[in-house]
Each structure stands twice: as C-alpha cells, then as structure tokens.
Amino acid sequence: MHGSYNWTVESILVKHSSRPFNPNIANVFYLAGFIESWGRGIEKICEACKSDDLPIPEFTVNPSDM
C-alpha cells in the first residue's frame, strides 16, 4: 500500500484497487504460484475464517506505516 491512500479499516475490508509496494517482488510471487491475483489477501483471510467458524481478524491501520 502506498502513502497516497487514506486507508481505514473499513476501506480495506471492501473491494479496492491494489498496487504492490514492490511490483517486481510481487510478480515473482505471482509467477511462483504463491499468489493468484492482486488485492485479494484480506478478503481470502476473512473467507477462510468464516468457513472454519473462526472470528474475523481485527485489523489496525497505522497511517505512519504507509
């Protein structure tokens, strides 16, 4: 995530555009099969928790980290 976004916990839990911080490294992970598409990580984590009857994780957004 880049510093130009005004991320909130609410905004990361809905569909949003995804731009990897380092596209070259992200592309290597994609080509190696470790990721299937950009921007689905949080969504997939929440879906997995729901399907296993686990609570959805609590997320914190720290603007100074972006």
PDB file of N, CA and C in Angstrom:
ATOM      1  N   MET A   1       0.845  -1.166   0.000  1.00  0.00           N
ATOM      2  CA  MET A   1       0.000   0.000   0.000  1.00  0.00           C
ATOM      3  C   MET A   1       0.892   1.230   0.000  1.00  0.00           C
ATOM      4  N   HIS A   2       0.461   2.215  -0.706  1.00  0.00           N
ATOM      5  CA  HIS A   2       1.255   3.426  -0.814  1.00  0.00           C
ATOM      6  C   HIS A   2       0.710   4.512   0.087  1.00  0.00           C
ATOM      7  N   GLY A   3       1.573   5.428   0.490  1.00  0.00           N
ATOM      8  CA  GLY A   3       1.205   6.501   1.381  1.00  0.00           C
ATOM      9  C   GLY A   3       0.158   7.446   0.827  1.00  0.00           C
ATOM     10  N   SER A   4      -0.100   7.446  -0.477  1.00  0.00           N
ATOM     11  CA  SER A   4      -1.067   8.368  -1.045  1.00  0.00           C
ATOM     12  C   SER A   4      -2.513   7.939  -0.773  1.00  0.00           C
ATOM     13  N   TYR A   5      -2.730   6.748  -0.234  1.00  0.00           N
ATOM     14  CA  TYR A   5      -4.071   6.286   0.082  1.00  0.00           C
ATOM     15  C   TYR A   5      -4.448   6.737   1.476  1.00  0.00           C
ATOM     16  N   ASN A   6      -5.728   6.950   1.675  1.00  0.00           N
ATOM     17  CA  ASN A   6      -6.250   7.236   3.008  1.00  0.00           C
ATOM     18  C   ASN A   6      -6.953   5.991   3.505  1.00  0.00           C
ATOM     19  N   TRP A   7      -6.172   4.957   3.798  1.00  0.00           N
ATOM     20  CA  TRP A   7      -6.739   3.684   4.210  1.00  0.00           C
ATOM     21  C   TRP A   7      -7.376   3.796   5.576  1.00  0.00           C
ATOM     22  N   THR A   8      -8.484   3.099   5.724  1.00  0.00           N
ATOM     23  CA  THR A   8      -9.133   2.897   7.014  1.00  0.00           C
ATOM     24  C   THR A   8      -9.400   1.403   7.116  1.00  0.00           C
ATOM     25  N   VAL A   9      -9.733   0.944   8.309  1.00  0.00           N
ATOM     26  CA  VAL A   9     -10.073  -0.473   8.463  1.00  0.00           C
ATOM     27  C   VAL A   9     -11.271  -0.795   7.571  1.00  0.00           C
ATOM     28  N   GLU A  10     -12.234   0.109   7.517  1.00  0.00           N
ATOM     29  CA  GLU A  10     -13.423  -0.129   6.695  1.00  0.00           C
ATOM     30  C   GLU A  10     -13.063  -0.235   5.215  1.00  0.00           C
ATOM     31  N   SER A  11     -12.140   0.612   4.743  1.00  0.00           N
ATOM     32  CA  SER A  11     -11.826   0.620   3.312  1.00  0.00           C
ATOM     33  C   SER A  11     -11.013  -0.599   2.875  1.00  0.00           C
ATOM     34  N   ILE A  12     -10.263  -1.209   3.785  1.00  0.00           N
ATOM     35  CA  ILE A  12      -9.508  -2.400   3.374  1.00  0.00           C
ATOM     36  C   ILE A  12     -10.375  -3.651   3.367  1.00  0.00           C
ATOM     37  N   LEU A  13     -11.560  -3.567   3.995  1.00  0.00           N
ATOM     38  CA  LEU A  13     -12.439  -4.727   4.058  1.00  0.00           C
ATOM     39  C   LEU A  13     -13.429  -4.787   2.900  1.00  0.00           C
ATOM     40  N   VAL A  14     -13.398  -3.807   2.013  1.00  0.00           N
ATOM     41  CA  VAL A  14     -14.240  -3.822   0.824  1.00  0.00           C
ATOM     42  C   VAL A  14     -13.342  -3.851  -0.401  1.00  0.00           C
ATOM     43  N   LYS A  15     -13.921  -4.145  -1.563  1.00  0.00           N
ATOM     44  CA  LYS A  15     -13.113  -4.190  -2.786  1.00  0.00           C
ATOM     45  C   LYS A  15     -12.384  -2.870  -2.982  1.00  0.00           C
ATOM     46  N   HIS A  16     -11.108  -2.978  -3.322  1.00  0.00           N
ATOM     47  CA  HIS A  16     -10.294  -1.785  -3.554  1.00  0.00           C
ATOM     48  C   HIS A  16      -9.178  -2.135  -4.528  1.00  0.00           C
ATOM     49  N   SER A  17      -8.612  -1.114  -5.124  1.00  0.00           N
ATOM     50  CA  SER A  17      -7.508  -1.368  -6.044  1.00  0.00           C
ATOM     51  C   SER A  17      -6.278  -1.782  -5.249  1.00  0.00           C
ATOM     52  N   SER A  18      -5.409  -2.496  -5.892  1.00  0.00           N
ATOM     53  CA  SER A  18      -4.211  -2.981  -5.230  1.00  0.00           C
ATOM     54  C   SER A  18      -3.001  -2.660  -6.088  1.00  0.00           C
ATOM     55  N   ARG A  19      -2.036  -2.029  -5.486  1.00  0.00           N
ATOM     56  CA  ARG A  19      -0.769  -1.761  -6.153  1.00  0.00           C
ATOM     57  C   ARG A  19       0.348  -2.233  -5.232  1.00  0.00           C
ATOM     58  N   PRO A  20       1.013  -3.304  -5.581  1.00  0.00           N
ATOM     59  CA  PRO A  20       2.083  -3.803  -4.722  1.00  0.00           C
ATOM     60  C   PRO A  20       3.155  -2.731  -4.494  1.00  0.00           C
ATOM     61  N   PHE A  21       3.663  -2.673  -3.276  1.00  0.00           N
ATOM     62  CA  PHE A  21       4.712  -1.714  -2.952  1.00  0.00           C
ATOM     63  C   PHE A  21       5.931  -1.947  -3.840  1.00  0.00           C
ATOM     64  N   ASN A  22       6.257  -3.226  -4.071  1.00  0.00           N
ATOM     65  CA  ASN A  22       7.363  -3.569  -4.963  1.00  0.00           C
ATOM     66  C   ASN A  22       6.827  -4.526  -6.033  1.00  0.00           C
ATOM     67  N   PRO A  23       6.425  -3.995  -7.196  1.00  0.00           N
ATOM     68  CA  PRO A  23       5.823  -4.840  -8.232  1.00  0.00           C
ATOM     69  C   PRO A  23       6.724  -5.971  -8.718  1.00  0.00           C
ATOM     70  N   ASN A  24       8.025  -5.764  -8.713  1.00  0.00           N
ATOM     71  CA  ASN A  24       8.937  -6.824  -9.171  1.00  0.00           C
ATOM     72  C   ASN A  24       8.894  -8.035  -8.240  1.00  0.00           C
ATOM     73  N   ILE A  25       8.925  -7.793  -6.947  1.00  0.00           N
ATOM     74  CA  ILE A  25       8.860  -8.900  -5.986  1.00  0.00           C
ATOM     75  C   ILE A  25       7.479  -9.550  -6.041  1.00  0.00           C
ATOM     76  N   ALA A  26       6.431  -8.731  -6.122  1.00  0.00           N
ATOM     77  CA  ALA A  26       5.071  -9.273  -6.207  1.00  0.00           C
ATOM     78  C   ALA A  26       4.924 -10.155  -7.444  1.00  0.00           C
ATOM     79  N   ASN A  27       5.498  -9.759  -8.552  1.00  0.00           N
ATOM     80  CA  ASN A  27       5.408 -10.548  -9.778  1.00  0.00           C
ATOM     81  C   ASN A  27       6.110 -11.895  -9.636  1.00  0.00           C
ATOM     82  N   VAL A  28       7.230 -11.922  -8.938  1.00  0.00           N
ATOM     83  CA  VAL A  28       7.933 -13.185  -8.699  1.00  0.00           C
ATOM     84  C   VAL A  28       7.047 -14.126  -7.887  1.00  0.00           C
ATOM     85  N   PHE A  29       6.407 -13.601  -6.840  1.00  0.00           N
ATOM     86  CA  PHE A  29       5.498 -14.431  -6.037  1.00  0.00           C
ATOM     87  C   PHE A  29       4.322 -14.914  -6.875  1.00  0.00           C
ATOM     88  N   TYR A  30       3.805 -14.055  -7.760  1.00  0.00           N
ATOM     89  CA  TYR A  30       2.706 -14.442  -8.637  1.00  0.00           C
ATOM     90  C   TYR A  30       3.135 -15.565  -9.580  1.00  0.00           C
ATOM     91  N   LEU A  31       4.275 -15.388 -10.247  1.00  0.00           N
ATOM     92  CA  LEU A  31       4.771 -16.390 -11.184  1.00  0.00           C
ATOM     93  C   LEU A  31       5.100 -17.711 -10.498  1.00  0.00           C
ATOM     94  N   ALA A  32       5.519 -17.647  -9.239  1.00  0.00           N
ATOM     95  CA  ALA A  32       5.844 -18.859  -8.484  1.00  0.00           C
ATOM     96  C   ALA A  32       4.593 -19.552  -7.957  1.00  0.00           C
ATOM     97  N   GLY A  33       3.431 -18.902  -8.100  1.00  0.00           N
ATOM     98  CA  GLY A  33       2.191 -19.517  -7.658  1.00  0.00           C
ATOM     99  C   GLY A  33       1.830 -19.252  -6.209  1.00  0.00           C
ATOM    100  N   PHE A  34       2.560 -18.348  -5.545  1.00  0.00           N
ATOM    101  CA  PHE A  34       2.256 -18.056  -4.147  1.00  0.00           C
ATOM    102  C   PHE A  34       1.056 -17.122  -3.996  1.00  0.00           C
ATOM    103  N   ILE A  35       0.754 -16.351  -5.034  1.00  0.00           N
ATOM    104  CA  ILE A  35      -0.437 -15.506  -5.036  1.00  0.00           C
ATOM    105  C   ILE A  35      -1.150 -15.713  -6.361  1.00  0.00           C
ATOM    106  N   GLU A  36      -2.478 -15.594  -6.337  1.00  0.00           N
ATOM    107  CA  GLU A  36      -3.246 -15.839  -7.559  1.00  0.00           C
ATOM    108  C   GLU A  36      -3.677 -14.556  -8.235  1.00  0.00           C
ATOM    109  N   SER A  37      -3.807 -13.492  -7.473  1.00  0.00           N
ATOM    110  CA  SER A  37      -4.200 -12.203  -8.042  1.00  0.00           C
ATOM    111  C   SER A  37      -3.868 -11.108  -7.050  1.00  0.00           C
ATOM    112  N   TRP A  38      -3.884  -9.876  -7.510  1.00  0.00           N
ATOM    113  CA  TRP A  38      -3.584  -8.741  -6.632  1.00  0.00           C
ATOM    114  C   TRP A  38      -4.828  -8.361  -5.837  1.00  0.00           C
ATOM    115  N   GLY A  39      -4.619  -7.984  -4.597  1.00  0.00           N
ATOM    116  CA  GLY A  39      -5.678  -7.367  -3.817  1.00  0.00           C
ATOM    117  C   GLY A  39      -6.721  -8.266  -3.217  1.00  0.00           C
ATOM    118  N   ARG A  40      -6.453  -9.552  -3.074  1.00  0.00           N
ATOM    119  CA  ARG A  40      -7.452 -10.460  -2.504  1.00  0.00           C
ATOM    120  C   ARG A  40      -7.027 -11.052  -1.163  1.00  0.00           C
ATOM    121  N   GLY A  41      -5.894 -10.646  -0.653  1.00  0.00           N
ATOM    122  CA  GLY A  41      -5.368 -11.275   0.563  1.00  0.00           C
ATOM    123  C   GLY A  41      -6.268 -11.154   1.769  1.00  0.00           C
ATOM    124  N   ILE A  42      -6.702  -9.939   2.078  1.00  0.00           N
ATOM    125  CA  ILE A  42      -7.556  -9.735   3.249  1.00  0.00           C
ATOM    126  C   ILE A  42      -8.892 -10.432   3.042  1.00  0.00           C
ATOM    127  N   GLU A  43      -9.424 -10.322   1.836  1.00  0.00           N
ATOM    128  CA  GLU A  43     -10.696 -10.987   1.521  1.00  0.00           C
ATOM    129  C   GLU A  43     -10.582 -12.501   1.732  1.00  0.00           C
ATOM    130  N   LYS A  44      -9.496 -13.101   1.263  1.00  0.00           N
ATOM    131  CA  LYS A  44      -9.317 -14.552   1.399  1.00  0.00           C
ATOM    132  C   LYS A  44      -9.144 -14.962   2.860  1.00  0.00           C
ATOM    133  N   ILE A  45      -8.445 -14.149   3.636  1.00  0.00           N
ATOM    134  CA  ILE A  45      -8.271 -14.443   5.064  1.00  0.00           C
ATOM    135  C   ILE A  45      -9.629 -14.458   5.750  1.00  0.00           C
ATOM    136  N   CYS A  46     -10.458 -13.443   5.481  1.00  0.00           N
ATOM    137  CA  CYS A  46     -11.787 -13.360   6.099  1.00  0.00           C
ATOM    138  C   CYS A  46     -12.672 -14.518   5.660  1.00  0.00           C
ATOM    139  N   GLU A  47     -12.626 -14.887   4.378  1.00  0.00           N
ATOM    140  CA  GLU A  47     -13.417 -16.021   3.883  1.00  0.00           C
ATOM    141  C   GLU A  47     -12.993 -17.322   4.562  1.00  0.00           C
ATOM    142  N   ALA A  48     -11.682 -17.516   4.722  1.00  0.00           N
ATOM    143  CA  ALA A  48     -11.188 -18.738   5.365  1.00  0.00           C
ATOM    144  C   ALA A  48     -11.635 -18.808   6.819  1.00  0.00           C
ATOM    145  N   CYS A  49     -11.594 -17.679   7.507  1.00  0.00           N
ATOM    146  CA  CYS A  49     -12.041 -17.653   8.907  1.00  0.00           C
ATOM    147  C   CYS A  49     -13.524 -17.990   8.996  1.00  0.00           C
ATOM    148  N   LYS A  50     -14.334 -17.384   8.119  1.00  0.00           N
ATOM    149  CA  LYS A  50     -15.776 -17.657   8.129  1.00  0.00           C
ATOM    150  C   LYS A  50     -16.045 -19.132   7.856  1.00  0.00           C
ATOM    151  N   SER A  51     -15.351 -19.709   6.873  1.00  0.00           N
ATOM    152  CA  SER A  51     -15.614 -21.110   6.516  1.00  0.00           C
ATOM    153  C   SER A  51     -15.181 -22.075   7.617  1.00  0.00           C
ATOM    154  N   ASP A  52     -14.247 -21.659   8.469  1.00  0.00           N
ATOM    155  CA  ASP A  52     -13.807 -22.502   9.582  1.00  0.00           C
ATOM    156  C   ASP A  52     -14.456 -22.102  10.903  1.00  0.00           C
ATOM    157  N   ASP A  53     -15.501 -21.254  10.816  1.00  0.00           N
ATOM    158  CA  ASP A  53     -16.208 -20.777  12.007  1.00  0.00           C
ATOM    159  C   ASP A  53     -15.283 -20.113  13.019  1.00  0.00           C
ATOM    160  N   LEU A  54     -14.358 -19.346  12.504  1.00  0.00           N
ATOM    161  CA  LEU A  54     -13.435 -18.589  13.345  1.00  0.00           C
ATOM    162  C   LEU A  54     -13.789 -17.104  13.250  1.00  0.00           C
ATOM    163  N   PRO A  55     -13.430 -16.326  14.274  1.00  0.00           N
ATOM    164  CA  PRO A  55     -13.710 -14.894  14.191  1.00  0.00           C
ATOM    165  C   PRO A  55     -12.833 -14.234  13.121  1.00  0.00           C
ATOM    166  N   ILE A  56     -13.386 -13.225  12.499  1.00  0.00           N
ATOM    167  CA  ILE A  56     -12.612 -12.459  11.518  1.00  0.00           C
ATOM    168  C   ILE A  56     -11.547 -11.672  12.285  1.00  0.00           C
ATOM    169  N   PRO A  57     -10.327 -11.630  11.787  1.00  0.00           N
ATOM    170  CA  PRO A  57      -9.260 -10.913  12.492  1.00  0.00           C
ATOM    171  C   PRO A  57      -9.595  -9.435  12.671  1.00  0.00           C
ATOM    172  N   GLU A  58      -9.035  -8.851  13.708  1.00  0.00           N
ATOM    173  CA  GLU A  58      -9.146  -7.418  13.901  1.00  0.00           C
ATOM    174  C   GLU A  58      -7.980  -6.761  13.180  1.00  0.00           C
ATOM    175  N   PHE A  59      -8.277  -5.742  12.406  1.00  0.00           N
ATOM    176  CA  PHE A  59      -7.248  -5.045  11.626  1.00  0.00           C
ATOM    177  C   PHE A  59      -7.030  -3.658  12.199  1.00  0.00           C
ATOM    178  N   THR A  60      -5.804  -3.197  12.122  1.00  0.00           N
ATOM    179  CA  THR A  60      -5.440  -1.842  12.537  1.00  0.00           C
ATOM    180  C   THR A  60      -4.701  -1.189  11.396  1.00  0.00           C
ATOM    181  N   VAL A  61      -5.037   0.053  11.110  1.00  0.00           N
ATOM    182  CA  VAL A  61      -4.344   0.814  10.081  1.00  0.00           C
ATOM    183  C   VAL A  61      -3.573   1.927  10.765  1.00  0.00           C
ATOM    184  N   ASN A  62      -2.279   1.942  10.565  1.00  0.00           N
ATOM    185  CA  ASN A  62      -1.422   2.988  11.120  1.00  0.00           C
ATOM    186  C   ASN A  62      -0.893   3.837   9.969  1.00  0.00           C
ATOM    187  N   PRO A  63      -1.444   5.044   9.786  1.00  0.00           N
ATOM    188  CA  PRO A  63      -1.023   5.886   8.665  1.00  0.00           C
ATOM    189  C   PRO A  63       0.488   6.122   8.615  1.00  0.00           C
ATOM    190  N   SER A  64       1.155   6.129   9.763  1.00  0.00           N
ATOM    191  CA  SER A  64       2.597   6.377   9.750  1.00  0.00           C
ATOM    192  C   SER A  64       3.383   5.211   9.162  1.00  0.00           C
ATOM    193  N   ASP A  65       2.763   4.046   9.039  1.00  0.00           N
ATOM    194  CA  ASP A  65       3.430   2.869   8.471  1.00  0.00           C
ATOM    195  C   ASP A  65       3.352   2.827   6.959  1.00  0.00           C
ATOM    196  N   MET A  66       2.595   3.727   6.341  1.00  0.00           N
ATOM    197  CA  MET A  66       2.369   3.640   4.904  1.00  0.00           C
ATOM    198  C   MET A  66       3.220   4.595   4.168  1.00  0.00           C
TER     199      MET A  66
END
